[in-house]
C-alpha atoms as a PDB file:
ATOM      1  CA  UNK A   1       5.530 -75.821  26.468  1.00  0.00           C
ATOM      2  CA  UNK A   2       6.361 -73.604  29.350  1.00  0.00           C
ATOM      3  CA  UNK A   3      10.103 -74.515  28.962  1.00  0.00           C
ATOM      4  CA  UNK A   4       9.904 -73.606  25.290  1.00  0.00           C
ATOM      5  CA  UNK A   5       8.351 -70.073  26.065  1.00  0.00           C
ATOM      6  CA  UNK A   6      10.927 -69.444  28.835  1.00  0.00           C
ATOM      7  CA  UNK A   7      13.648 -70.395  26.419  1.00  0.00           C
ATOM      8  CA  UNK A   8      12.117 -68.102  23.645  1.00  0.00           C
ATOM      9  CA  UNK A   9      11.911 -65.217  26.151  1.00  0.00           C
ATOM     10  CA  UNK A  10      15.563 -65.737  27.367  1.00  0.00           C
ATOM     11  CA  UNK A  11      16.541 -65.753  23.793  1.00  0.00           C
ATOM     12  CA  UNK A  12      14.672 -62.579  23.134  1.00  0.00           C
ATOM     13  CA  UNK A  13      16.265 -60.885  26.063  1.00  0.00           C
ATOM     14  CA  UNK A  14      19.811 -61.864  24.847  1.00  0.00           C
ATOM     15  CA  UNK A  15      19.730 -61.853  21.051  1.00  0.00           C
ATOM     16  CA  UNK A  16      17.407 -58.806  20.229  1.00  0.00           C
ATOM     17  CA  UNK A  17      19.643 -56.422  22.375  1.00  0.00           C
ATOM     18  CA  UNK A  18      22.808 -57.687  20.567  1.00  0.00           C
ATOM     19  CA  UNK A  19      21.084 -57.309  17.155  1.00  0.00           C
ATOM     20  CA  UNK A  20      19.940 -53.754  18.179  1.00  0.00           C
ATOM     21  CA  UNK A  21      23.258 -52.742  19.426  1.00  0.00           C
ATOM     22  CA  UNK A  22      24.729 -54.069  16.291  1.00  0.00           C
ATOM     23  CA  UNK A  23      22.383 -52.287  14.048  1.00  0.00           C
ATOM     24  CA  UNK A  24      22.723 -49.109  16.317  1.00  0.00           C
ATOM     25  CA  UNK A  25      26.510 -49.399  16.288  1.00  0.00           C
ATOM     26  CA  UNK A  26      26.853 -49.686  12.472  1.00  0.00           C
ATOM     27  CA  UNK A  27      24.394 -46.740  12.070  1.00  0.00           C
ATOM     28  CA  UNK A  28      26.609 -44.706  14.516  1.00  0.00           C
ATOM     29  CA  UNK A  29      29.706 -45.596  12.569  1.00  0.00           C
ATOM     30  CA  UNK A  30      27.948 -44.585   9.238  1.00  0.00           C
ATOM     31  CA  UNK A  31      26.923 -41.240  10.528  1.00  0.00           C
ATOM     32  CA  UNK A  32      30.611 -40.670  11.787  1.00  0.00           C
ATOM     33  CA  UNK A  33      31.973 -41.687   8.585  1.00  0.00           C
ATOM     34  CA  UNK A  34      29.469 -39.364   6.733  1.00  0.00           C
ATOM     35  CA  UNK A  35      30.369 -36.532   9.177  1.00  0.00           C
ATOM     36  CA  UNK A  36      34.089 -37.021   8.556  1.00  0.00           C
ATOM     37  CA  UNK A  37      33.486 -37.151   4.817  1.00  0.00           C
ATOM     38  CA  UNK A  38      31.341 -34.033   4.883  1.00  0.00           C
ATOM     39  CA  UNK A  39      34.031 -32.192   6.930  1.00  0.00           C
ATOM     40  CA  UNK A  40      36.780 -33.103   4.681  1.00  0.00           C
ATOM     41  CA  UNK A  41      34.831 -32.122   1.716  1.00  0.00           C
ATOM     42  CA  UNK A  42      34.139 -28.656   3.345  1.00  0.00           C
ATOM     43  CA  UNK A  43      37.794 -28.287   4.080  1.00  0.00           C
ATOM     44  CA  UNK A  44      38.663 -29.014   0.494  1.00  0.00           C
ATOM     45  CA  UNK A  45      36.033 -26.435  -0.708  1.00  0.00           C
ATOM     46  CA  UNK A  46      37.153 -23.855   1.863  1.00  0.00           C
ATOM     47  CA  UNK A  47      40.824 -24.370   0.787  1.00  0.00           C
ATOM     48  CA  UNK A  48      40.691 -24.316  -3.022  1.00  0.00           C
ATOM     49  CA  UNK A  49      37.321 -22.644  -3.833  1.00  0.00           C
ATOM     50  CA  UNK A  50      36.469 -20.653  -0.718  1.00  0.00           C
ATOM     51  CA  UNK A  51      37.192 -17.238  -2.067  1.00  0.00           C
ATOM     52  CA  UNK A  52      35.786 -17.791  -5.588  1.00  0.00           C
ATOM     53  CA  UNK A  53      32.614 -19.170  -3.996  1.00  0.00           C
ATOM     54  CA  UNK A  54      32.648 -15.859  -1.529  1.00  0.00           C
ATOM     55  CA  UNK A  55      32.940 -13.563  -4.831  1.00  0.00           C
ATOM     56  CA  UNK A  56      30.132 -15.535  -6.561  1.00  0.00           C
ATOM     57  CA  UNK A  57      27.880 -15.182  -3.461  1.00  0.00           C
ATOM     58  CA  UNK A  58      28.767 -11.445  -3.364  1.00  0.00           C
ATOM     59  CA  UNK A  59      27.973 -10.795  -6.761  1.00  0.00           C
ATOM     60  CA  UNK A  60      24.607 -12.642  -6.572  1.00  0.00           C
ATOM     61  CA  UNK A  61      23.493 -11.061  -3.329  1.00  0.00           C
ATOM     62  CA  UNK A  62      25.143  -7.735  -3.530  1.00  0.00           C
ATOM     63  CA  UNK A  63      26.568  -7.981   0.085  1.00  0.00           C
ATOM     64  CA  UNK A  64      29.770  -6.251  -0.842  1.00  0.00           C
ATOM     65  CA  UNK A  65      30.256  -2.955   0.696  1.00  0.00           C
ATOM     66  CA  UNK A  66      28.395  -0.175  -1.375  1.00  0.00           C
ATOM     67  CA  UNK A  67      30.189   2.336  -3.237  1.00  0.00           C
ATOM     68  CA  UNK A  68      30.745   5.624  -1.250  1.00  0.00           C
ATOM     69  CA  UNK A  69      28.065   8.246  -2.443  1.00  0.00           C
ATOM     70  CA  UNK A  70      29.796  10.552  -4.742  1.00  0.00           C
ATOM     71  CA  UNK A  71      28.735  12.498  -7.870  1.00  0.00           C
ATOM     72  CA  UNK A  72      29.642   9.872 -10.097  1.00  0.00           C
ATOM     73  CA  UNK A  73      26.182   8.154  -9.642  1.00  0.00           C
ATOM     74  CA  UNK A  74      22.644   9.461 -10.120  1.00  0.00           C
ATOM     75  CA  UNK A  75      19.636   9.581 -12.192  1.00  0.00           C
ATOM     76  CA  UNK A  76      20.552   9.584 -15.755  1.00  0.00           C
ATOM     77  CA  UNK A  77      19.351  12.533 -17.742  1.00  0.00           C
ATOM     78  CA  UNK A  78      19.926  11.618 -21.366  1.00  0.00           C
ATOM     79  CA  UNK A  79      22.687  14.075 -22.168  1.00  0.00           C
ATOM     80  CA  UNK A  80      26.243  12.887 -22.447  1.00  0.00           C
ATOM     81  CA  UNK A  81      29.402  14.684 -22.470  1.00  0.00           C
ATOM     82  CA  UNK A  82      32.460  13.388 -24.112  1.00  0.00           C
ATOM     83  CA  UNK A  83      36.063  14.272 -23.668  1.00  0.00           C
ATOM     84  CA  UNK A  84      39.025  12.996 -25.764  1.00  0.00           C
ATOM     85  CA  UNK A  85      42.742  13.000 -24.820  1.00  0.00           C
ATOM     86  CA  UNK A  86      44.242  15.787 -26.781  1.00  0.00           C
ATOM     87  CA  UNK A  87      47.897  14.663 -26.896  1.00  0.00           C
ATOM     88  CA  UNK A  88      47.946  10.902 -27.631  1.00  0.00           C
ATOM     89  CA  UNK A  89      50.739   8.805 -26.241  1.00  0.00           C
ATOM     90  CA  UNK A  90      52.238   5.669 -27.859  1.00  0.00           C
ATOM     91  CA  UNK A  91      51.650   2.051 -26.548  1.00  0.00           C
ATOM     92  CA  UNK A  92      55.487   1.684 -26.435  1.00  0.00           C
ATOM     93  CA  UNK A  93      55.843   4.434 -24.052  1.00  0.00           C
ATOM     94  CA  UNK A  94      53.098   3.002 -21.589  1.00  0.00           C
ATOM     95  CA  UNK A  95      54.865  -0.427 -21.861  1.00  0.00           C
ATOM     96  CA  UNK A  96      58.247   1.183 -20.891  1.00  0.00           C
ATOM     97  CA  UNK A  97      56.424   2.951 -17.868  1.00  0.00           C
ATOM     98  CA  UNK A  98      55.116  -0.374 -16.878  1.00  0.00           C
ATOM     99  CA  UNK A  99      58.754  -1.924 -16.934  1.00  0.00           C
ATOM    100  CA  UNK A 100      60.002   1.006 -15.220  1.00  0.00           C
ATOM    101  CA  UNK A 101      57.499   0.931 -12.322  1.00  0.00           C
ATOM    102  CA  UNK A 102      57.809  -2.765 -11.940  1.00  0.00           C
ATOM    103  CA  UNK A 103      61.588  -2.550 -11.608  1.00  0.00           C
ATOM    104  CA  UNK A 104      61.125   0.204  -8.967  1.00  0.00           C
ATOM    105  CA  UNK A 105      58.723  -1.878  -6.974  1.00  0.00           C
ATOM    106  CA  UNK A 106      61.223  -4.761  -7.160  1.00  0.00           C
ATOM    107  CA  UNK A 107      64.020  -2.528  -5.900  1.00  0.00           C
ATOM    108  CA  UNK A 108      61.663  -1.606  -2.978  1.00  0.00           C
ATOM    109  CA  UNK A 109      61.229  -5.211  -1.839  1.00  0.00           C
ATOM    110  CA  UNK A 110      57.728  -5.679  -3.160  1.00  0.00           C
ATOM    111  CA  UNK A 111      56.304  -8.737  -4.867  1.00  0.00           C
ATOM    112  CA  UNK A 112      57.409  -9.085  -8.457  1.00  0.00           C
ATOM    113  CA  UNK A 113      54.467  -8.427 -10.964  1.00  0.00           C
ATOM    114  CA  UNK A 114      54.543  -8.429 -14.610  1.00  0.00           C
ATOM    115  CA  UNK A 115      52.519  -5.091 -15.122  1.00  0.00           C
ATOM    116  CA  UNK A 116      50.671  -4.822 -18.317  1.00  0.00           C
ATOM    117  CA  UNK A 117      49.386  -1.863 -20.274  1.00  0.00           C
ATOM    118  CA  UNK A 118      45.961  -1.972 -18.560  1.00  0.00           C
ATOM    119  CA  UNK A 119      47.682  -1.874 -15.226  1.00  0.00           C
ATOM    120  CA  UNK A 120      49.211   1.437 -16.079  1.00  0.00           C
ATOM    121  CA  UNK A 121      46.259   2.913 -17.388  1.00  0.00           C
ATOM    122  CA  UNK A 122      44.098   1.875 -14.726  1.00  0.00           C
ATOM    123  CA  UNK A 123      46.618   3.379 -12.179  1.00  0.00           C
ATOM    124  CA  UNK A 124      46.514   6.693 -13.995  1.00  0.00           C
ATOM    125  CA  UNK A 125      42.833   6.793 -14.229  1.00  0.00           C
ATOM    126  CA  UNK A 126      42.725   6.186 -10.384  1.00  0.00           C
ATOM    127  CA  UNK A 127      45.004   9.035  -9.862  1.00  0.00           C
ATOM    128  CA  UNK A 128      43.088  11.463 -12.029  1.00  0.00           C
ATOM    129  CA  UNK A 129      39.733  10.399 -10.061  1.00  0.00           C
ATOM    130  CA  UNK A 130      41.759  10.798  -6.900  1.00  0.00           C
ATOM    131  CA  UNK A 131      42.608  14.484  -7.690  1.00  0.00           C
ATOM    132  CA  UNK A 132      38.911  15.048  -8.953  1.00  0.00           C
ATOM    133  CA  UNK A 133      37.429  13.893  -5.535  1.00  0.00           C
ATOM    134  CA  UNK A 134      40.062  15.946  -3.813  1.00  0.00           C
ATOM    135  CA  UNK A 135      39.063  19.054  -5.704  1.00  0.00           C
ATOM    136  CA  UNK A 136      35.327  18.342  -4.795  1.00  0.00           C
ATOM    137  CA  UNK A 137      36.343  18.425  -1.094  1.00  0.00           C
ATOM    138  CA  UNK A 138      36.154  14.736  -0.701  1.00  0.00           C
ATOM    139  CA  UNK A 139      38.855  12.681   1.275  1.00  0.00           C
ATOM    140  CA  UNK A 140      39.837  10.074  -1.443  1.00  0.00           C
ATOM    141  CA  UNK A 141      41.520   7.867   1.274  1.00  0.00           C
ATOM    142  CA  UNK A 142      38.273   7.195   2.891  1.00  0.00           C
ATOM    143  CA  UNK A 143      36.320   6.405  -0.441  1.00  0.00           C
ATOM    144  CA  UNK A 144      35.421   3.150  -1.884  1.00  0.00           C
ATOM    145  CA  UNK A 145      34.719   3.475  -5.729  1.00  0.00           C
ATOM    146  CA  UNK A 146      34.375   0.323  -7.988  1.00  0.00           C
ATOM    147  CA  UNK A 147      34.456   0.023 -11.788  1.00  0.00           C
ATOM    148  CA  UNK A 148      32.820  -2.477 -13.972  1.00  0.00           C
ATOM    149  CA  UNK A 149      35.023  -3.840 -16.617  1.00  0.00           C
ATOM    150  CA  UNK A 150      33.954  -5.879 -19.578  1.00  0.00           C
ATOM    151  CA  UNK A 151      36.113  -8.953 -20.047  1.00  0.00           C
ATOM    152  CA  UNK A 152      36.518 -10.988 -23.246  1.00  0.00           C
ATOM    153  CA  UNK A 153      35.330 -14.859 -22.833  1.00  0.00           C
ATOM    154  CA  UNK A 154      36.691 -16.052 -26.377  1.00  0.00           C
ATOM    155  CA  UNK A 155      39.721 -18.108 -26.401  1.00  0.00           C
ATOM    156  CA  UNK A 156      42.890 -16.715 -28.065  1.00  0.00           C
ATOM    157  CA  UNK A 157      42.692 -19.146 -31.073  1.00  0.00           C
ATOM    158  CA  UNK A 158      38.828 -19.053 -31.478  1.00  0.00           C
ATOM    159  CA  UNK A 159      37.472 -17.888 -34.655  1.00  0.00           C
ATOM    160  CA  UNK A 160      35.937 -14.395 -34.399  1.00  0.00           C
ATOM    161  CA  UNK A 161      32.258 -14.069 -35.013  1.00  0.00           C
ATOM    162  CA  UNK A 162      29.798 -11.056 -34.842  1.00  0.00           C
ATOM    163  CA  UNK A 163      28.533 -11.733 -31.575  1.00  0.00           C
ATOM    164  CA  UNK A 164      29.008 -10.434 -27.918  1.00  0.00           C
ATOM    165  CA  UNK A 165      30.912 -12.876 -25.802  1.00  0.00           C
ATOM    166  CA  UNK A 166      31.917 -10.898 -22.717  1.00  0.00           C
ATOM    167  CA  UNK A 167      31.136 -10.588 -19.225  1.00  0.00           C
ATOM    168  CA  UNK A 168      31.599  -7.868 -16.603  1.00  0.00           C
ATOM    169  CA  UNK A 169      34.126  -8.064 -13.559  1.00  0.00           C
ATOM    170  CA  UNK A 170      33.869  -5.593 -10.777  1.00  0.00           C
ATOM    171  CA  UNK A 171      37.283  -4.079  -9.578  1.00  0.00           C
ATOM    172  CA  UNK A 172      37.912  -1.426  -7.100  1.00  0.00           C
ATOM    173  CA  UNK A 173      39.424   1.731  -8.502  1.00  0.00           C
ATOM    174  CA  UNK A 174      42.457   2.757  -6.328  1.00  0.00           C
ATOM    175  CA  UNK A 175      41.461   6.443  -5.600  1.00  0.00           C
ATOM    176  CA  UNK A 176      42.568   5.653  -2.028  1.00  0.00           C
ATOM    177  CA  UNK A 177      46.379   5.238  -2.945  1.00  0.00           C
ATOM    178  CA  UNK A 178      48.648   7.948  -3.473  1.00  0.00           C
ATOM    179  CA  UNK A 179      51.476   6.394  -5.323  1.00  0.00           C
ATOM    180  CA  UNK A 180      50.892   5.207  -9.003  1.00  0.00           C
ATOM    181  CA  UNK A 181      53.179   2.258  -8.150  1.00  0.00           C
ATOM    182  CA  UNK A 182      50.701   1.341  -5.530  1.00  0.00           C
ATOM    183  CA  UNK A 183      47.661   1.957  -7.507  1.00  0.00           C
ATOM    184  CA  UNK A 184      49.076  -0.300 -10.287  1.00  0.00           C
ATOM    185  CA  UNK A 185      49.780  -3.063  -7.955  1.00  0.00           C
ATOM    186  CA  UNK A 186      46.499  -3.025  -6.377  1.00  0.00           C
ATOM    187  CA  UNK A 187      44.616  -3.123  -9.716  1.00  0.00           C
ATOM    188  CA  UNK A 188      46.950  -5.985 -10.880  1.00  0.00           C
ATOM    189  CA  UNK A 189      45.899  -8.044  -7.949  1.00  0.00           C
ATOM    190  CA  UNK A 190      42.283  -7.069  -7.842  1.00  0.00           C
ATOM    191  CA  UNK A 191      41.761  -8.084 -11.533  1.00  0.00           C
ATOM    192  CA  UNK A 192      43.785 -11.276 -11.191  1.00  0.00           C
ATOM    193  CA  UNK A 193      41.504 -12.345  -8.221  1.00  0.00           C
ATOM    194  CA  UNK A 194      38.327 -11.338 -10.112  1.00  0.00           C
ATOM    195  CA  UNK A 195      39.531 -13.237 -13.490  1.00  0.00           C
ATOM    196  CA  UNK A 196      40.401 -16.332 -11.541  1.00  0.00           C
ATOM    197  CA  UNK A 197      37.231 -16.383  -9.410  1.00  0.00           C
ATOM    198  CA  UNK A 198      33.612 -17.469  -9.941  1.00  0.00           C
ATOM    199  CA  UNK A 199      32.548 -13.891 -11.073  1.00  0.00           C
ATOM    200  CA  UNK A 200      33.253 -14.205 -14.866  1.00  0.00           C
ATOM    201  CA  UNK A 201      31.130 -17.401 -15.426  1.00  0.00           C
ATOM    202  CA  UNK A 202      28.438 -16.193 -13.095  1.00  0.00           C
ATOM    203  CA  UNK A 203      28.351 -12.854 -14.660  1.00  0.00           C
ATOM    204  CA  UNK A 204      28.229 -14.475 -18.321  1.00  0.00           C
ATOM    205  CA  UNK A 205      25.210 -16.840 -17.119  1.00  0.00           C
ATOM    206  CA  UNK A 206      23.444 -13.847 -15.513  1.00  0.00           C
ATOM    207  CA  UNK A 207      23.908 -11.764 -19.014  1.00  0.00           C
ATOM    208  CA  UNK A 208      22.400 -14.830 -20.973  1.00  0.00           C
ATOM    209  CA  UNK A 209      19.414 -15.365 -18.619  1.00  0.00           C
ATOM    210  CA  UNK A 210      18.332 -11.759 -18.012  1.00  0.00           C
ATOM    211  CA  UNK A 211      17.365 -11.380 -21.768  1.00  0.00           C
ATOM    212  CA  UNK A 212      14.712 -13.856 -21.330  1.00  0.00           C
ATOM    213  CA  UNK A 213      12.934 -12.085 -18.478  1.00  0.00           C
ATOM    214  CA  UNK A 214      10.139  -9.697 -18.537  1.00  0.00           C
ATOM    215  CA  UNK A 215      11.469  -6.041 -19.207  1.00  0.00           C
ATOM    216  CA  UNK A 216      10.301  -4.696 -15.730  1.00  0.00           C
ATOM    217  CA  UNK A 217      11.968  -7.789 -13.978  1.00  0.00           C
ATOM    218  CA  UNK A 218      15.220  -7.257 -16.165  1.00  0.00           C
ATOM    219  CA  UNK A 219      15.317  -3.639 -15.367  1.00  0.00           C
ATOM    220  CA  UNK A 220      15.151  -4.277 -11.742  1.00  0.00           C
ATOM    221  CA  UNK A 221      17.980  -6.660 -11.645  1.00  0.00           C
ATOM    222  CA  UNK A 222      20.110  -4.808 -13.952  1.00  0.00           C
ATOM    223  CA  UNK A 223      19.824  -1.800 -11.635  1.00  0.00           C
ATOM    224  CA  UNK A 224      20.340  -4.015  -8.640  1.00  0.00           C
ATOM    225  CA  UNK A 225      23.723  -5.200 -10.042  1.00  0.00           C
ATOM    226  CA  UNK A 226      24.742  -1.638 -11.170  1.00  0.00           C
ATOM    227  CA  UNK A 227      24.595  -0.517  -7.605  1.00  0.00           C
ATOM    228  CA  UNK A 228      28.092  -2.433  -7.190  1.00  0.00           C
ATOM    229  CA  UNK A 229      29.764   0.108  -9.327  1.00  0.00           C
ATOM    230  CA  UNK A 230      30.284   3.754 -10.033  1.00  0.00           C
ATOM    231  CA  UNK A 231      31.580   3.733 -13.565  1.00  0.00           C
ATOM    232  CA  UNK A 232      32.466   1.528 -16.614  1.00  0.00           C
ATOM    233  CA  UNK A 233      35.971   1.318 -17.878  1.00  0.00           C
ATOM    234  CA  UNK A 234      36.621  -0.460 -21.158  1.00  0.00           C
ATOM    235  CA  UNK A 235      40.022  -1.428 -22.466  1.00  0.00           C
ATOM    236  CA  UNK A 236      40.169  -2.305 -26.135  1.00  0.00           C
ATOM    237  CA  UNK A 237      43.271  -3.433 -27.874  1.00  0.00           C
ATOM    238  CA  UNK A 238      42.979  -1.933 -31.367  1.00  0.00           C
ATOM    239  CA  UNK A 239      44.872  -2.828 -34.729  1.00  0.00           C
ATOM    240  CA  UNK A 240      48.348  -1.966 -35.067  1.00  0.00           C
ATOM    241  CA  UNK A 241      47.946  -0.944 -38.714  1.00  0.00           C
ATOM    242  CA  UNK A 242      45.036   1.795 -39.868  1.00  0.00           C
ATOM    243  CA  UNK A 243      41.907   0.194 -41.402  1.00  0.00           C
ATOM    244  CA  UNK A 244      39.893   1.408 -44.374  1.00  0.00           C
ATOM    245  CA  UNK A 245      36.140   2.423 -44.379  1.00  0.00           C
ATOM    246  CA  UNK A 246      34.623   2.847 -47.971  1.00  0.00           C
ATOM    247  CA  UNK A 247      37.898   3.212 -49.328  1.00  0.00           C
ATOM    248  CA  UNK A 248      39.020   6.105 -46.854  1.00  0.00           C
ATOM    249  CA  UNK A 249      41.735   5.633 -44.107  1.00  0.00           C
ATOM    250  CA  UNK A 250      40.340   5.780 -40.589  1.00  0.00           C
ATOM    251  CA  UNK A 251      42.864   8.068 -38.759  1.00  0.00           C
ATOM    252  CA  UNK A 252      41.037   8.108 -35.269  1.00  0.00           C
ATOM    253  CA  UNK A 253      38.071   7.225 -33.435  1.00  0.00           C
ATOM    254  CA  UNK A 254      36.830   7.217 -29.819  1.00  0.00           C
ATOM    255  CA  UNK A 255      34.790   4.575 -27.735  1.00  0.00           C
ATOM    256  CA  UNK A 256      31.233   5.102 -26.709  1.00  0.00           C
ATOM    257  CA  UNK A 257      30.745   3.386 -23.230  1.00  0.00           C
ATOM    258  CA  UNK A 258      26.905   2.520 -22.636  1.00  0.00           C
ATOM    259  CA  UNK A 259      25.212   4.044 -19.470  1.00  0.00           C
ATOM    260  CA  UNK A 260      22.785   2.323 -17.668  1.00  0.00           C
ATOM    261  CA  UNK A 261      21.353   1.792 -14.171  1.00  0.00           C
ATOM    262  CA  UNK A 262      22.444   5.105 -12.549  1.00  0.00           C
ATOM    263  CA  UNK A 263      26.199   4.568 -13.930  1.00  0.00           C
ATOM    264  CA  UNK A 264      26.739   7.674 -16.098  1.00  0.00           C
ATOM    265  CA  UNK A 265      30.448   7.822 -16.135  1.00  0.00           C
ATOM    266  CA  UNK A 266      32.313   5.714 -18.754  1.00  0.00           C
ATOM    267  CA  UNK A 267      36.026   5.605 -19.513  1.00  0.00           C
ATOM    268  CA  UNK A 268      37.148   4.100 -22.827  1.00  0.00           C
ATOM    269  CA  UNK A 269      40.866   3.148 -23.071  1.00  0.00           C
ATOM    270  CA  UNK A 270      41.551   2.356 -26.823  1.00  0.00           C
ATOM    271  CA  UNK A 271      44.606   1.831 -28.817  1.00  0.00           C
ATOM    272  CA  UNK A 272      44.927   2.283 -32.580  1.00  0.00           C
ATOM    273  CA  UNK A 273      48.080   2.210 -34.636  1.00  0.00           C
ATOM    274  CA  UNK A 274      50.181   2.029 -31.789  1.00  0.00           C
ATOM    275  CA  UNK A 275      48.672   4.985 -30.138  1.00  0.00           C
ATOM    276  CA  UNK A 276      46.312   5.463 -27.207  1.00  0.00           C
END
């Protein structure tokens, strides 16, 4: 009996440490494998989705640098002043201008972009507000001014229904740039980054969810997100042929940009029958 107990004790001294080492070793290998896998996933996310995730986080938390304090923001008073362009220009003229500025940038060695009508108009709006701020005594080169822009979420071949299917993307208005070509290039890249990021789907989800919240909470969240912009700019591509209303041809109209959350300035860029 004493010999059996001795053999069992010896066996425990040899086998149990080996078994424990085997278990611990495999556990460490498993942890190392999980750590390597987690690192690989993190690198993949940072490589492919890092920028969109940062954009989504910035949109949800409002950690972006706030807009500069200017006269564009303030408490809404309920009165609205509307100004309409007197001398309308044609869409073909703007397209020709986009081609000309794009060719000039290519000749200067800049990266080639296929500029759109929206790029040209946003560049011109940026220049107008640059002069406005300069006349008020601001230094436009030091200002950060963003605009919220509605973006259509419908597919190109989707059947049109009477419903709102859009979201908002926030882009910097290039009031800090002197050249219209530089402003167009900046707007083009900012809008491209915004559309390819997570901001459109996150914004659409927010706009769907906020309607089910209590009114006070909804108002707080709307004002919170409105702090990220100083104005709203819409760009609507209207019909090339005139429409009729109650048998009468509609010759002209203007867009009415909604105001909320301390954003009182709205710019509506609308085309109709080939004119802007």
